[in-house]
Amino acid sequence: MSRHRSRRLRKKLHVDEFQEMGFELMFRLNAGLSAEQMGAFWDAFIGDAIEANGLLYGGSTDGMACLRKRGSADESHREAVRAWLAARPEVSEANVGPLIDVWYLER
């Protein structure tokens, strides 16, 4: 049974037309990277894969990406990050999860 909620409440609860989608990332970096190489990788990851696509990222090699502004990440965001990770020699394995509701994670 669906409930009737006001627009204000739907916005506050991030449901219906205000739902926000994001995706999880899990990747593994090659062993033996120097501190300088790790720093360069993370700078490039945040600058080129995340911020360049209008995303925010929380986590380390296991984290969550979502749109920087209100709204939802989409398949093009997932593909851009996946392709960027796949092209990097520092990354030995990468898994980009499906789009999920970032406010109501089911774990």
Protein backbone atom coordinates (compact mmCIF):
# COMPACT_ATOMS: atom_id res chain seq x y z
CA MET A 1 0.00 0.00 0.00
CA SER A 2 1.57 3.29 -1.06
CA ARG A 3 1.39 6.32 1.15
CA HIS A 4 0.61 9.82 -0.01
CA ARG A 5 3.45 12.10 1.08
CA SER A 6 3.78 15.80 0.47
CA ARG A 7 6.45 17.03 -1.93
CA ARG A 8 8.34 18.57 1.00
CA LEU A 9 8.40 15.28 2.89
CA ARG A 10 9.43 13.27 -0.21
CA LYS A 11 12.33 15.71 -0.69
CA LYS A 12 13.35 15.48 2.95
CA LEU A 13 13.25 11.66 2.86
CA HIS A 14 15.02 11.45 -0.54
CA VAL A 15 12.32 9.23 -2.04
CA ASP A 16 10.37 9.07 -5.29
CA GLU A 17 11.49 11.88 -7.62
CA PHE A 18 14.14 12.93 -5.04
CA GLN A 19 15.85 9.54 -4.85
CA GLU A 20 19.62 9.78 -5.31
CA MET A 21 21.60 6.95 -6.88
CA GLY A 22 25.29 6.15 -6.66
CA PHE A 23 27.56 3.14 -6.98
CA GLU A 24 30.15 1.24 -5.00
CA LEU A 25 33.73 0.75 -6.12
CA MET A 26 36.15 -1.93 -5.08
CA PHE A 27 39.60 -2.05 -6.58
CA ARG A 28 43.02 -3.40 -5.77
CA LEU A 29 46.29 -1.58 -6.33
CA ASN A 30 49.47 -3.37 -7.35
CA ALA A 31 51.80 -4.25 -4.50
CA GLY A 32 55.10 -2.43 -4.30
CA LEU A 33 53.92 1.06 -5.25
CA SER A 34 56.02 3.81 -3.68
CA ALA A 35 54.49 6.58 -1.60
CA GLU A 36 54.97 8.98 -4.52
CA GLN A 37 53.24 6.59 -6.94
CA MET A 38 50.34 6.11 -4.51
CA GLY A 39 49.97 9.85 -4.05
CA ALA A 40 50.03 10.43 -7.81
CA PHE A 41 47.43 7.70 -8.33
CA TRP A 42 45.03 9.13 -5.74
CA ASP A 43 45.45 12.68 -7.07
CA ALA A 44 44.69 11.45 -10.59
CA PHE A 45 41.78 9.27 -9.42
CA ILE A 46 40.06 12.09 -7.56
CA GLY A 47 40.82 14.72 -10.22
CA ASP A 48 40.34 12.77 -13.45
CA ALA A 49 37.86 10.00 -12.62
CA ILE A 50 35.77 11.53 -9.84
CA GLU A 51 35.69 15.34 -9.94
CA ALA A 52 35.93 15.53 -13.75
CA ASN A 53 32.67 13.55 -13.90
CA GLY A 54 30.88 15.68 -11.29
CA LEU A 55 31.10 12.99 -8.61
CA LEU A 56 32.05 12.74 -4.95
CA TYR A 57 33.89 9.73 -3.53
CA GLY A 58 34.08 8.38 -0.01
CA GLY A 59 36.35 5.53 0.97
CA SER A 60 39.70 4.16 -0.09
CA THR A 61 40.01 1.16 -2.38
CA ASP A 62 36.50 0.22 -1.24
CA GLY A 63 34.11 3.15 -1.39
CA MET A 64 31.02 4.87 -2.76
CA ALA A 65 30.64 7.40 -5.57
CA CYS A 66 27.64 9.68 -6.01
CA LEU A 67 26.77 12.87 -7.83
CA ARG A 68 28.28 16.04 -6.35
CA LYS A 69 25.04 18.00 -6.68
CA ARG A 70 21.52 16.83 -5.97
CA GLY A 71 20.49 14.10 -8.34
CA SER A 72 21.65 10.68 -9.36
CA ALA A 73 24.71 9.20 -10.93
CA ASP A 74 23.88 7.21 -14.05
CA GLU A 75 25.36 4.48 -16.23
CA SER A 76 27.64 6.96 -18.02
CA HIS A 77 29.26 7.86 -14.67
CA ARG A 78 29.78 4.21 -13.81
CA GLU A 79 31.29 3.47 -17.21
CA ALA A 80 33.61 6.50 -17.10
CA VAL A 81 35.03 5.47 -13.71
CA ARG A 82 35.27 1.81 -14.74
CA ALA A 83 37.13 2.70 -17.94
CA TRP A 84 39.49 5.03 -16.06
CA LEU A 85 40.36 2.32 -13.52
CA ALA A 86 40.80 -0.30 -16.26
CA ALA A 87 43.27 1.94 -18.10
CA ARG A 88 45.52 2.49 -15.08
CA PRO A 89 48.61 0.28 -14.73
CA GLU A 90 48.53 0.69 -10.91
CA VAL A 91 45.17 -1.12 -10.69
CA SER A 92 45.29 -4.92 -10.71
CA GLU A 93 41.56 -5.51 -10.23
CA ALA A 94 38.48 -3.26 -10.32
CA ASN A 95 34.80 -3.84 -9.67
CA VAL A 96 32.18 -1.13 -10.21
CA GLY A 97 28.87 -2.03 -8.61
CA PRO A 98 25.36 -1.35 -9.88
CA LEU A 99 23.47 1.86 -9.20
CA ILE A 100 21.99 1.84 -5.71
CA ASP A 101 20.06 4.29 -3.54
CA VAL A 102 22.73 6.16 -1.55
CA TRP A 103 20.32 7.18 1.22
CA TYR A 104 18.83 3.75 1.86
CA LEU A 105 21.58 1.17 1.44
CA GLU A 106 20.46 -2.39 1.93
CA ARG A 107 23.27 -4.42 3.47
